[in-house]
Structures are given as C-alpha cells and as structure tokens.
C-alpha cells in the first residue's frame, strides 16, 4: 500500500492512534495498514485488536478492505465496531451482572 511519510509515521507508531484529516486524505488506508501491522504482532497469541469507529458505514468499509489485505484466519484476531457496539459487547454485556437492576440481564430494543 502506498503511504505518505506522515502516514507511515502513524502506521509505525507503537501507541494508540487517533487519526484526523480531511476527506479523501487516506485515513482509511492508514487504519488498514496499522491494523495489518498490529495483526502481525498479535497473530497466534491470546491477544486481539479492536478498531473503534463512529459509524456502521466506516465499520463495513474497514472490514471490506481488511479482508482484502489480511491473512486467512486473521478475522479471529480483530474486531471492528462502532463505539456503541464496543461498549455494549465488550463492557456492558460481560459486566452488567455487577450493576444493580441488571443482575438478571437486559434487552436491547431495536426499531421495527
């Protein structure tokens, strides 16, 4: 994947990264490159990579591109989701039993 010098710096950064730039500047390309690099580090370990975004559209775009660039089986080592689904599936669901009023579980109401 072709990246600018700034994009390469973001991909090589060993810390968490927040990417902000104008539309069409290559943010998704950087995210995919960073994810692939991070997958190389966690593959065949008990660790996992989470990529959190704001919209379902972004989730679908990142997942589609990642399937193209990741190795077979890598889907077991990453999760791409919105901030809402991350909080629901990785924070609230596993620990809701610790909160009064949710000891018996809960229902997620959806439109329709």
PDB file of N, CA and C in Angstrom:
ATOM      1  N   UNK A   1       0.836  -1.164   0.000  1.00  0.00           N
ATOM      2  CA  UNK A   1       0.000   0.000   0.000  1.00  0.00           C
ATOM      3  C   UNK A   1       0.894   1.246   0.000  1.00  0.00           C
ATOM      4  N   UNK A   2       0.585   2.180  -0.856  1.00  0.00           N
ATOM      5  CA  UNK A   2       1.393   3.394  -0.957  1.00  0.00           C
ATOM      6  C   UNK A   2       0.954   4.399   0.110  1.00  0.00           C
ATOM      7  N   UNK A   3       1.924   4.853   0.924  1.00  0.00           N
ATOM      8  CA  UNK A   3       1.644   5.789   2.004  1.00  0.00           C
ATOM      9  C   UNK A   3       2.600   6.970   1.954  1.00  0.00           C
ATOM     10  N   UNK A   4       2.122   8.131   2.432  1.00  0.00           N
ATOM     11  CA  UNK A   4       2.994   9.304   2.549  1.00  0.00           C
ATOM     12  C   UNK A   4       3.887   9.130   3.776  1.00  0.00           C
ATOM     13  N   UNK A   5       4.852  10.024   3.943  1.00  0.00           N
ATOM     14  CA  UNK A   5       5.749   9.970   5.100  1.00  0.00           C
ATOM     15  C   UNK A   5       4.964  10.099   6.402  1.00  0.00           C
ATOM     16  N   UNK A   6       4.007  11.034   6.461  1.00  0.00           N
ATOM     17  CA  UNK A   6       3.179  11.195   7.664  1.00  0.00           C
ATOM     18  C   UNK A   6       2.343   9.949   7.943  1.00  0.00           C
ATOM     19  N   UNK A   7       1.807   9.357   6.896  1.00  0.00           N
ATOM     20  CA  UNK A   7       1.010   8.148   7.067  1.00  0.00           C
ATOM     21  C   UNK A   7       1.870   6.998   7.580  1.00  0.00           C
ATOM     22  N   UNK A   8       3.076   6.860   7.038  1.00  0.00           N
ATOM     23  CA  UNK A   8       3.991   5.809   7.509  1.00  0.00           C
ATOM     24  C   UNK A   8       4.322   5.997   8.984  1.00  0.00           C
ATOM     25  N   UNK A   9       4.498   7.250   9.408  1.00  0.00           N
ATOM     26  CA  UNK A   9       4.779   7.537  10.816  1.00  0.00           C
ATOM     27  C   UNK A   9       3.620   7.076  11.692  1.00  0.00           C
ATOM     28  N   UNK A  10       2.387   7.340  11.264  1.00  0.00           N
ATOM     29  CA  UNK A  10       1.209   6.910  12.021  1.00  0.00           C
ATOM     30  C   UNK A  10       1.127   5.389  12.095  1.00  0.00           C
ATOM     31  N   UNK A  11       1.439   4.718  10.996  1.00  0.00           N
ATOM     32  CA  UNK A  11       1.383   3.255  10.965  1.00  0.00           C
ATOM     33  C   UNK A  11       2.439   2.660  11.878  1.00  0.00           C
ATOM     34  N   UNK A  12       3.621   3.251  11.930  1.00  0.00           N
ATOM     35  CA  UNK A  12       4.726   2.723  12.738  1.00  0.00           C
ATOM     36  C   UNK A  12       4.604   3.048  14.221  1.00  0.00           C
ATOM     37  N   UNK A  13       3.730   3.979  14.574  1.00  0.00           N
ATOM     38  CA  UNK A  13       3.562   4.386  15.967  1.00  0.00           C
ATOM     39  C   UNK A  13       3.133   3.174  16.801  1.00  0.00           C
ATOM     40  N   UNK A  14       3.823   2.952  17.912  1.00  0.00           N
ATOM     41  CA  UNK A  14       3.526   1.788  18.747  1.00  0.00           C
ATOM     42  C   UNK A  14       2.419   2.046  19.766  1.00  0.00           C
ATOM     43  N   UNK A  15       1.950   3.269  19.849  1.00  0.00           N
ATOM     44  CA  UNK A  15       0.873   3.610  20.776  1.00  0.00           C
ATOM     45  C   UNK A  15      -0.461   3.603  20.040  1.00  0.00           C
ATOM     46  N   UNK A  16      -1.535   3.838  20.793  1.00  0.00           N
ATOM     47  CA  UNK A  16      -2.844   4.025  20.170  1.00  0.00           C
ATOM     48  C   UNK A  16      -2.779   5.279  19.312  1.00  0.00           C
ATOM     49  N   UNK A  17      -3.572   5.303  18.256  1.00  0.00           N
ATOM     50  CA  UNK A  17      -3.515   6.417  17.317  1.00  0.00           C
ATOM     51  C   UNK A  17      -4.917   6.965  17.076  1.00  0.00           C
ATOM     52  N   UNK A  18      -5.026   8.282  17.088  1.00  0.00           N
ATOM     53  CA  UNK A  18      -6.244   8.971  16.671  1.00  0.00           C
ATOM     54  C   UNK A  18      -5.894   9.690  15.385  1.00  0.00           C
ATOM     55  N   UNK A  19      -6.618   9.368  14.312  1.00  0.00           N
ATOM     56  CA  UNK A  19      -6.316   9.943  13.005  1.00  0.00           C
ATOM     57  C   UNK A  19      -7.411  10.936  12.638  1.00  0.00           C
ATOM     58  N   UNK A  20      -7.015  12.179  12.385  1.00  0.00           N
ATOM     59  CA  UNK A  20      -7.964  13.195  11.914  1.00  0.00           C
ATOM     60  C   UNK A  20      -7.361  13.848  10.672  1.00  0.00           C
ATOM     61  N   UNK A  21      -8.154  13.953   9.631  1.00  0.00           N
ATOM     62  CA  UNK A  21      -7.715  14.579   8.384  1.00  0.00           C
ATOM     63  C   UNK A  21      -8.941  14.816   7.518  1.00  0.00           C
ATOM     64  N   UNK A  22      -8.750  15.563   6.452  1.00  0.00           N
ATOM     65  CA  UNK A  22      -9.865  15.882   5.563  1.00  0.00           C
ATOM     66  C   UNK A  22     -10.293  14.644   4.761  1.00  0.00           C
ATOM     67  N   UNK A  23     -11.500  14.690   4.197  1.00  0.00           N
ATOM     68  CA  UNK A  23     -11.984  13.582   3.378  1.00  0.00           C
ATOM     69  C   UNK A  23     -11.041  13.310   2.196  1.00  0.00           C
ATOM     70  N   UNK A  24     -10.840  12.022   1.911  1.00  0.00           N
ATOM     71  CA  UNK A  24     -10.027  11.639   0.765  1.00  0.00           C
ATOM     72  C   UNK A  24      -8.535  11.716   0.989  1.00  0.00           C
ATOM     73  N   UNK A  25      -8.113  11.937   2.232  1.00  0.00           N
ATOM     74  CA  UNK A  25      -6.687  12.095   2.512  1.00  0.00           C
ATOM     75  C   UNK A  25      -5.966  10.780   2.779  1.00  0.00           C
ATOM     76  N   UNK A  26      -6.705   9.674   2.888  1.00  0.00           N
ATOM     77  CA  UNK A  26      -6.072   8.375   3.103  1.00  0.00           C
ATOM     78  C   UNK A  26      -6.154   7.860   4.528  1.00  0.00           C
ATOM     79  N   UNK A  27      -7.101   8.363   5.316  1.00  0.00           N
ATOM     80  CA  UNK A  27      -7.238   7.911   6.697  1.00  0.00           C
ATOM     81  C   UNK A  27      -7.520   6.409   6.764  1.00  0.00           C
ATOM     82  N   UNK A  28      -8.442   5.933   5.945  1.00  0.00           N
ATOM     83  CA  UNK A  28      -8.781   4.514   5.974  1.00  0.00           C
ATOM     84  C   UNK A  28      -7.592   3.669   5.546  1.00  0.00           C
ATOM     85  N   UNK A  29      -6.824   4.129   4.586  1.00  0.00           N
ATOM     86  CA  UNK A  29      -5.617   3.422   4.154  1.00  0.00           C
ATOM     87  C   UNK A  29      -4.638   3.275   5.318  1.00  0.00           C
ATOM     88  N   UNK A  30      -4.491   4.347   6.105  1.00  0.00           N
ATOM     89  CA  UNK A  30      -3.611   4.312   7.273  1.00  0.00           C
ATOM     90  C   UNK A  30      -4.146   3.323   8.307  1.00  0.00           C
ATOM     91  N   UNK A  31      -5.446   3.369   8.546  1.00  0.00           N
ATOM     92  CA  UNK A  31      -6.049   2.460   9.517  1.00  0.00           C
ATOM     93  C   UNK A  31      -5.819   1.011   9.112  1.00  0.00           C
ATOM     94  N   UNK A  32      -6.033   0.697   7.837  1.00  0.00           N
ATOM     95  CA  UNK A  32      -5.842  -0.671   7.358  1.00  0.00           C
ATOM     96  C   UNK A  32      -4.380  -1.088   7.509  1.00  0.00           C
ATOM     97  N   UNK A  33      -3.455  -0.220   7.129  1.00  0.00           N
ATOM     98  CA  UNK A  33      -2.028  -0.533   7.262  1.00  0.00           C
ATOM     99  C   UNK A  33      -1.649  -0.756   8.718  1.00  0.00           C
ATOM    100  N   UNK A  34      -2.162   0.087   9.604  1.00  0.00           N
ATOM    101  CA  UNK A  34      -1.898  -0.039  11.039  1.00  0.00           C
ATOM    102  C   UNK A  34      -2.479  -1.343  11.571  1.00  0.00           C
ATOM    103  N   UNK A  35      -3.688  -1.676  11.154  1.00  0.00           N
ATOM    104  CA  UNK A  35      -4.309  -2.925  11.599  1.00  0.00           C
ATOM    105  C   UNK A  35      -3.531  -4.144  11.129  1.00  0.00           C
ATOM    106  N   UNK A  36      -3.115  -4.144   9.868  1.00  0.00           N
ATOM    107  CA  UNK A  36      -2.350  -5.275   9.334  1.00  0.00           C
ATOM    108  C   UNK A  36      -1.031  -5.415  10.094  1.00  0.00           C
ATOM    109  N   UNK A  37      -0.356  -4.287  10.358  1.00  0.00           N
ATOM    110  CA  UNK A  37       0.898  -4.313  11.123  1.00  0.00           C
ATOM    111  C   UNK A  37       0.657  -4.867  12.532  1.00  0.00           C
ATOM    112  N   UNK A  38      -0.420  -4.435  13.166  1.00  0.00           N
ATOM    113  CA  UNK A  38      -0.729  -4.886  14.519  1.00  0.00           C
ATOM    114  C   UNK A  38      -1.143  -6.357  14.528  1.00  0.00           C
ATOM    115  N   UNK A  39      -1.856  -6.785  13.494  1.00  0.00           N
ATOM    116  CA  UNK A  39      -2.218  -8.196  13.395  1.00  0.00           C
ATOM    117  C   UNK A  39      -0.978  -9.083  13.314  1.00  0.00           C
ATOM    118  N   UNK A  40       0.054  -8.607  12.635  1.00  0.00           N
ATOM    119  CA  UNK A  40       1.302  -9.363  12.566  1.00  0.00           C
ATOM    120  C   UNK A  40       1.888  -9.601  13.958  1.00  0.00           C
ATOM    121  N   UNK A  41       1.643  -8.661  14.868  1.00  0.00           N
ATOM    122  CA  UNK A  41       2.181  -8.766  16.224  1.00  0.00           C
ATOM    123  C   UNK A  41       1.334  -9.655  17.134  1.00  0.00           C
ATOM    124  N   UNK A  42       0.029  -9.727  16.899  1.00  0.00           N
ATOM    125  CA  UNK A  42      -0.840 -10.485  17.809  1.00  0.00           C
ATOM    126  C   UNK A  42      -1.254 -11.852  17.269  1.00  0.00           C
ATOM    127  N   UNK A  43      -0.997 -12.090  16.018  1.00  0.00           N
ATOM    128  CA  UNK A  43      -1.394 -13.361  15.405  1.00  0.00           C
ATOM    129  C   UNK A  43      -0.809 -14.528  16.204  1.00  0.00           C
ATOM    130  N   UNK A  44      -1.629 -15.521  16.453  1.00  0.00           N
ATOM    131  CA  UNK A  44      -1.233 -16.726  17.193  1.00  0.00           C
ATOM    132  C   UNK A  44      -0.891 -16.437  18.648  1.00  0.00           C
ATOM    133  N   UNK A  45      -1.459 -15.349  19.200  1.00  0.00           N
ATOM    134  CA  UNK A  45      -1.347 -15.061  20.629  1.00  0.00           C
ATOM    135  C   UNK A  45      -2.767 -14.978  21.168  1.00  0.00           C
ATOM    136  N   UNK A  46      -2.933 -14.901  22.463  1.00  0.00           N
ATOM    137  CA  UNK A  46      -4.290 -14.743  23.001  1.00  0.00           C
ATOM    138  C   UNK A  46      -4.816 -13.320  22.883  1.00  0.00           C
ATOM    139  N   UNK A  47      -4.022 -12.421  22.340  1.00  0.00           N
ATOM    140  CA  UNK A  47      -4.422 -11.020  22.227  1.00  0.00           C
ATOM    141  C   UNK A  47      -5.295 -10.784  20.998  1.00  0.00           C
ATOM    142  N   UNK A  48      -5.949  -9.613  20.986  1.00  0.00           N
ATOM    143  CA  UNK A  48      -6.832  -9.232  19.889  1.00  0.00           C
ATOM    144  C   UNK A  48      -6.689  -7.747  19.631  1.00  0.00           C
ATOM    145  N   UNK A  49      -7.071  -7.314  18.440  1.00  0.00           N
ATOM    146  CA  UNK A  49      -7.018  -5.907  18.061  1.00  0.00           C
ATOM    147  C   UNK A  49      -8.455  -5.412  17.912  1.00  0.00           C
ATOM    148  N   UNK A  50      -8.749  -4.256  18.506  1.00  0.00           N
ATOM    149  CA  UNK A  50     -10.054  -3.627  18.328  1.00  0.00           C
ATOM    150  C   UNK A  50      -9.877  -2.327  17.578  1.00  0.00           C
ATOM    151  N   UNK A  51     -10.707  -2.119  16.582  1.00  0.00           N
ATOM    152  CA  UNK A  51     -10.739  -0.866  15.833  1.00  0.00           C
ATOM    153  C   UNK A  51     -12.125  -0.285  16.049  1.00  0.00           C
ATOM    154  N   UNK A  52     -12.169   0.885  16.705  1.00  0.00           N
ATOM    155  CA  UNK A  52     -13.443   1.505  17.059  1.00  0.00           C
ATOM    156  C   UNK A  52     -13.654   2.750  16.206  1.00  0.00           C
ATOM    157  N   UNK A  53     -14.840   2.825  15.613  1.00  0.00           N
ATOM    158  CA  UNK A  53     -15.178   3.971  14.782  1.00  0.00           C
ATOM    159  C   UNK A  53     -16.574   4.465  15.163  1.00  0.00           C
ATOM    160  N   UNK A  54     -17.033   5.513  14.498  1.00  0.00           N
ATOM    161  CA  UNK A  54     -18.312   6.106  14.874  1.00  0.00           C
ATOM    162  C   UNK A  54     -19.495   5.589  14.077  1.00  0.00           C
ATOM    163  N   UNK A  55     -19.283   5.119  12.853  1.00  0.00           N
ATOM    164  CA  UNK A  55     -20.422   4.766  12.007  1.00  0.00           C
ATOM    165  C   UNK A  55     -20.339   3.330  11.509  1.00  0.00           C
ATOM    166  N   UNK A  56     -21.512   2.752  11.241  1.00  0.00           N
ATOM    167  CA  UNK A  56     -21.561   1.412  10.654  1.00  0.00           C
ATOM    168  C   UNK A  56     -20.968   1.417   9.251  1.00  0.00           C
ATOM    169  N   UNK A  57     -21.118   2.528   8.530  1.00  0.00           N
ATOM    170  CA  UNK A  57     -20.538   2.642   7.191  1.00  0.00           C
ATOM    171  C   UNK A  57     -19.024   2.481   7.265  1.00  0.00           C
ATOM    172  N   UNK A  58     -18.399   3.135   8.229  1.00  0.00           N
ATOM    173  CA  UNK A  58     -16.950   3.013   8.403  1.00  0.00           C
ATOM    174  C   UNK A  58     -16.568   1.592   8.793  1.00  0.00           C
ATOM    175  N   UNK A  59     -17.358   0.961   9.645  1.00  0.00           N
ATOM    176  CA  UNK A  59     -17.095  -0.435  10.035  1.00  0.00           C
ATOM    177  C   UNK A  59     -17.078  -1.322   8.796  1.00  0.00           C
ATOM    178  N   UNK A  60     -18.089  -1.185   7.941  1.00  0.00           N
ATOM    179  CA  UNK A  60     -18.186  -2.029   6.739  1.00  0.00           C
ATOM    180  C   UNK A  60     -17.020  -1.764   5.783  1.00  0.00           C
ATOM    181  N   UNK A  61     -16.649  -0.514   5.618  1.00  0.00           N
ATOM    182  CA  UNK A  61     -15.537  -0.166   4.725  1.00  0.00           C
ATOM    183  C   UNK A  61     -14.215  -0.732   5.246  1.00  0.00           C
ATOM    184  N   UNK A  62     -13.969  -0.579   6.529  1.00  0.00           N
ATOM    185  CA  UNK A  62     -12.721  -1.088   7.121  1.00  0.00           C
ATOM    186  C   UNK A  62     -12.687  -2.605   7.044  1.00  0.00           C
ATOM    187  N   UNK A  63     -13.784  -3.265   7.373  1.00  0.00           N
ATOM    188  CA  UNK A  63     -13.820  -4.731   7.304  1.00  0.00           C
ATOM    189  C   UNK A  63     -13.582  -5.227   5.878  1.00  0.00           C
ATOM    190  N   UNK A  64     -14.197  -4.586   4.887  1.00  0.00           N
ATOM    191  CA  UNK A  64     -14.024  -4.999   3.488  1.00  0.00           C
ATOM    192  C   UNK A  64     -12.569  -4.864   3.055  1.00  0.00           C
ATOM    193  N   UNK A  65     -11.958  -3.733   3.369  1.00  0.00           N
ATOM    194  CA  UNK A  65     -10.556  -3.532   2.984  1.00  0.00           C
ATOM    195  C   UNK A  65      -9.627  -4.463   3.755  1.00  0.00           C
ATOM    196  N   UNK A  66      -9.943  -4.679   5.019  1.00  0.00           N
ATOM    197  CA  UNK A  66      -9.088  -5.541   5.837  1.00  0.00           C
ATOM    198  C   UNK A  66      -9.127  -6.980   5.345  1.00  0.00           C
ATOM    199  N   UNK A  67     -10.300  -7.444   4.920  1.00  0.00           N
ATOM    200  CA  UNK A  67     -10.394  -8.810   4.366  1.00  0.00           C
ATOM    201  C   UNK A  67      -9.499  -8.958   3.143  1.00  0.00           C
ATOM    202  N   UNK A  68      -9.349  -7.880   2.385  1.00  0.00           N
ATOM    203  CA  UNK A  68      -8.512  -7.903   1.188  1.00  0.00           C
ATOM    204  C   UNK A  68      -7.017  -7.961   1.531  1.00  0.00           C
ATOM    205  N   UNK A  69      -6.607  -7.335   2.644  1.00  0.00           N
ATOM    206  CA  UNK A  69      -5.187  -7.222   2.978  1.00  0.00           C
ATOM    207  C   UNK A  69      -4.725  -8.163   4.080  1.00  0.00           C
ATOM    208  N   UNK A  70      -5.631  -8.689   4.886  1.00  0.00           N
ATOM    209  CA  UNK A  70      -5.253  -9.566   5.993  1.00  0.00           C
ATOM    210  C   UNK A  70      -5.062 -10.997   5.505  1.00  0.00           C
ATOM    211  N   UNK A  71      -4.432 -11.801   6.335  1.00  0.00           N
ATOM    212  CA  UNK A  71      -4.201 -13.207   6.009  1.00  0.00           C
ATOM    213  C   UNK A  71      -5.425 -14.034   6.387  1.00  0.00           C
ATOM    214  N   UNK A  72      -5.608 -15.185   5.747  1.00  0.00           N
ATOM    215  CA  UNK A  72      -6.720 -16.066   6.138  1.00  0.00           C
ATOM    216  C   UNK A  72      -6.606 -16.422   7.621  1.00  0.00           C
ATOM    217  N   UNK A  73      -7.718 -16.360   8.315  1.00  0.00           N
ATOM    218  CA  UNK A  73      -7.738 -16.661   9.747  1.00  0.00           C
ATOM    219  C   UNK A  73      -7.556 -15.447  10.634  1.00  0.00           C
ATOM    220  N   UNK A  74      -7.131 -14.325  10.063  1.00  0.00           N
ATOM    221  CA  UNK A  74      -6.918 -13.118  10.865  1.00  0.00           C
ATOM    222  C   UNK A  74      -8.200 -12.581  11.484  1.00  0.00           C
ATOM    223  N   UNK A  75      -9.358 -12.957  10.929  1.00  0.00           N
ATOM    224  CA  UNK A  75     -10.620 -12.462  11.482  1.00  0.00           C
ATOM    225  C   UNK A  75     -10.813 -12.899  12.937  1.00  0.00           C
ATOM    226  N   UNK A  76     -10.057 -13.899  13.370  1.00  0.00           N
ATOM    227  CA  UNK A  76     -10.109 -14.343  14.765  1.00  0.00           C
ATOM    228  C   UNK A  76      -9.323 -13.426  15.699  1.00  0.00           C
ATOM    229  N   UNK A  77      -8.563 -12.502  15.134  1.00  0.00           N
ATOM    230  CA  UNK A  77      -7.679 -11.667  15.939  1.00  0.00           C
ATOM    231  C   UNK A  77      -8.046 -10.186  15.903  1.00  0.00           C
ATOM    232  N   UNK A  78      -9.171  -9.829  15.282  1.00  0.00           N
ATOM    233  CA  UNK A  78      -9.572  -8.420  15.282  1.00  0.00           C
ATOM    234  C   UNK A  78     -11.084  -8.277  15.371  1.00  0.00           C
ATOM    235  N   UNK A  79     -11.493  -7.104  15.832  1.00  0.00           N
ATOM    236  CA  UNK A  79     -12.902  -6.735  15.878  1.00  0.00           C
ATOM    237  C   UNK A  79     -12.995  -5.274  15.451  1.00  0.00           C
ATOM    238  N   UNK A  80     -13.804  -5.003  14.464  1.00  0.00           N
ATOM    239  CA  UNK A  80     -14.053  -3.639  14.008  1.00  0.00           C
ATOM    240  C   UNK A  80     -15.502  -3.334  14.365  1.00  0.00           C
ATOM    241  N   UNK A  81     -15.717  -2.262  15.121  1.00  0.00           N
ATOM    242  CA  UNK A  81     -17.073  -1.969  15.573  1.00  0.00           C
ATOM    243  C   UNK A  81     -17.236  -0.482  15.868  1.00  0.00           C
ATOM    244  N   UNK A  82     -18.490  -0.083  16.034  1.00  0.00           N
ATOM    245  CA  UNK A  82     -18.759   1.290  16.442  1.00  0.00           C
ATOM    246  C   UNK A  82     -18.493   1.406  17.938  1.00  0.00           C
ATOM    247  N   UNK A  83     -18.368   2.633  18.406  1.00  0.00           N
ATOM    248  CA  UNK A  83     -18.162   2.860  19.832  1.00  0.00           C
ATOM    249  C   UNK A  83     -19.329   2.287  20.636  1.00  0.00           C
ATOM    250  N   UNK A  84     -20.534   2.380  20.086  1.00  0.00           N
ATOM    251  CA  UNK A  84     -21.714   1.870  20.791  1.00  0.00           C
ATOM    252  C   UNK A  84     -21.685   0.351  20.906  1.00  0.00           C
ATOM    253  N   UNK A  85     -21.378  -0.340  19.811  1.00  0.00           N
ATOM    254  CA  UNK A  85     -21.354  -1.803  19.880  1.00  0.00           C
ATOM    255  C   UNK A  85     -20.168  -2.295  20.709  1.00  0.00           C
ATOM    256  N   UNK A  86     -19.052  -1.553  20.695  1.00  0.00           N
ATOM    257  CA  UNK A  86     -17.918  -1.923  21.539  1.00  0.00           C
ATOM    258  C   UNK A  86     -18.320  -1.865  23.009  1.00  0.00           C
ATOM    259  N   UNK A  87     -18.927  -0.773  23.410  1.00  0.00           N
ATOM    260  CA  UNK A  87     -19.348  -0.626  24.812  1.00  0.00           C
ATOM    261  C   UNK A  87     -20.363  -1.701  25.201  1.00  0.00           C
ATOM    262  N   UNK A  88     -21.312  -1.966  24.322  1.00  0.00           N
ATOM    263  CA  UNK A  88     -22.329  -2.974  24.601  1.00  0.00           C
ATOM    264  C   UNK A  88     -21.719  -4.367  24.727  1.00  0.00           C
ATOM    265  N   UNK A  89     -20.914  -4.770  23.731  1.00  0.00           N
ATOM    266  CA  UNK A  89     -20.428  -6.150  23.669  1.00  0.00           C
ATOM    267  C   UNK A  89     -19.188  -6.445  24.494  1.00  0.00           C
ATOM    268  N   UNK A  90     -18.387  -5.438  24.765  1.00  0.00           N
ATOM    269  CA  UNK A  90     -17.131  -5.687  25.476  1.00  0.00           C
ATOM    270  C   UNK A  90     -17.095  -5.120  26.889  1.00  0.00           C
ATOM    271  N   UNK A  91     -18.052  -4.259  27.224  1.00  0.00           N
ATOM    272  CA  UNK A  91     -18.069  -3.676  28.568  1.00  0.00           C
ATOM    273  C   UNK A  91     -19.375  -4.024  29.285  1.00  0.00           C
ATOM    274  N   UNK A  92     -20.505  -3.592  28.705  1.00  0.00           N
ATOM    275  CA  UNK A  92     -21.773  -3.742  29.416  1.00  0.00           C
ATOM    276  C   UNK A  92     -22.218  -5.206  29.527  1.00  0.00           C
ATOM    277  N   UNK A  93     -22.277  -5.925  28.408  1.00  0.00           N
ATOM    278  CA  UNK A  93     -22.752  -7.320  28.460  1.00  0.00           C
ATOM    279  C   UNK A  93     -21.933  -8.177  29.424  1.00  0.00           C
ATOM    280  N   UNK A  94     -20.591  -8.142  29.340  1.00  0.00           N
ATOM    281  CA  UNK A  94     -19.826  -9.016  30.243  1.00  0.00           C
ATOM    282  C   UNK A  94     -19.929  -8.634  31.722  1.00  0.00           C
ATOM    283  N   UNK A  95     -20.241  -7.368  32.019  1.00  0.00           N
ATOM    284  CA  UNK A  95     -20.185  -6.923  33.404  1.00  0.00           C
ATOM    285  C   UNK A  95     -21.507  -6.384  33.948  1.00  0.00           C
ATOM    286  N   UNK A  96     -22.598  -6.486  33.184  1.00  0.00           N
ATOM    287  CA  UNK A  96     -23.871  -5.918  33.641  1.00  0.00           C
ATOM    288  C   UNK A  96     -24.369  -6.594  34.908  1.00  0.00           C
ATOM    289  N   UNK A  97     -23.999  -7.836  35.108  1.00  0.00           N
ATOM    290  CA  UNK A  97     -24.451  -8.543  36.315  1.00  0.00           C
ATOM    291  C   UNK A  97     -23.917  -7.901  37.603  1.00  0.00           C
ATOM    292  N   UNK A  98     -22.934  -7.043  37.490  1.00  0.00           N
ATOM    293  CA  UNK A  98     -22.368  -6.355  38.648  1.00  0.00           C
ATOM    294  C   UNK A  98     -23.126  -5.078  38.999  1.00  0.00           C
ATOM    295  N   UNK A  99     -24.080  -4.681  38.149  1.00  0.00           N
ATOM    296  CA  UNK A  99     -24.822  -3.434  38.337  1.00  0.00           C
ATOM    297  C   UNK A  99     -26.227  -3.748  38.837  1.00  0.00           C
ATOM    298  N   UNK A 100     -26.613  -3.106  39.959  1.00  0.00           N
ATOM    299  CA  UNK A 100     -27.977  -3.294  40.463  1.00  0.00           C
ATOM    300  C   UNK A 100     -28.968  -2.971  39.348  1.00  0.00           C
ATOM    301  N   UNK A 101     -29.985  -3.789  39.240  1.00  0.00           N
ATOM    302  CA  UNK A 101     -31.004  -3.584  38.222  1.00  0.00           C
ATOM    303  C   UNK A 101     -30.726  -4.362  36.937  1.00  0.00           C
ATOM    304  N   UNK A 102     -29.500  -4.870  36.787  1.00  0.00           N
ATOM    305  CA  UNK A 102     -29.148  -5.633  35.578  1.00  0.00           C
ATOM    306  C   UNK A 102     -28.649  -7.031  35.920  1.00  0.00           C
ATOM    307  N   UNK A 103     -28.826  -7.449  37.162  1.00  0.00           N
ATOM    308  CA  UNK A 103     -28.326  -8.749  37.585  1.00  0.00           C
ATOM    309  C   UNK A 103     -28.972  -9.892  36.807  1.00  0.00           C
ATOM    310  N   UNK A 104     -30.217  -9.687  36.350  1.00  0.00           N
ATOM    311  CA  UNK A 104     -30.921 -10.709  35.579  1.00  0.00           C
ATOM    312  C   UNK A 104     -30.735 -10.531  34.074  1.00  0.00           C
ATOM    313  N   UNK A 105     -29.917  -9.579  33.672  1.00  0.00           N
ATOM    314  CA  UNK A 105     -29.688  -9.333  32.260  1.00  0.00           C
ATOM    315  C   UNK A 105     -30.469  -8.121  31.765  1.00  0.00           C
ATOM    316  N   UNK A 106     -30.569  -7.995  30.455  1.00  0.00           N
ATOM    317  CA  UNK A 106     -31.244  -6.857  29.845  1.00  0.00           C
ATOM    318  C   UNK A 106     -31.601  -7.205  28.417  1.00  0.00           C
ATOM    319  N   UNK A 107     -32.424  -6.366  27.792  1.00  0.00           N
ATOM    320  CA  UNK A 107     -32.789  -6.499  26.388  1.00  0.00           C
ATOM    321  C   UNK A 107     -32.363  -5.249  25.662  1.00  0.00           C
ATOM    322  N   UNK A 108     -31.901  -5.398  24.440  1.00  0.00           N
ATOM    323  CA  UNK A 108     -31.612  -4.266  23.594  1.00  0.00           C
ATOM    324  C   UNK A 108     -32.812  -4.092  22.665  1.00  0.00           C
ATOM    325  N   UNK A 109     -33.441  -2.949  22.755  1.00  0.00           N
ATOM    326  CA  UNK A 109     -34.608  -2.674  21.910  1.00  0.00           C
ATOM    327  C   UNK A 109     -34.139  -2.071  20.591  1.00  0.00           C
ATOM    328  N   UNK A 110     -34.624  -2.616  19.504  1.00  0.00           N
ATOM    329  CA  UNK A 110     -34.260  -2.101  18.185  1.00  0.00           C
ATOM    330  C   UNK A 110     -35.510  -1.569  17.500  1.00  0.00           C
ATOM    331  N   UNK A 111     -35.361  -0.592  16.613  1.00  0.00           N
ATOM    332  CA  UNK A 111     -36.530  -0.076  15.902  1.00  0.00           C
ATOM    333  C   UNK A 111     -37.144  -1.142  14.999  1.00  0.00           C
ATOM    334  N   UNK A 112     -38.407  -1.097  14.842  1.00  0.00           N
ATOM    335  CA  UNK A 112     -39.019  -2.009  13.900  1.00  0.00           C
ATOM    336  C   UNK A 112     -40.086  -2.760  14.502  1.00  0.00           C
TER     337      UNK A 112
END
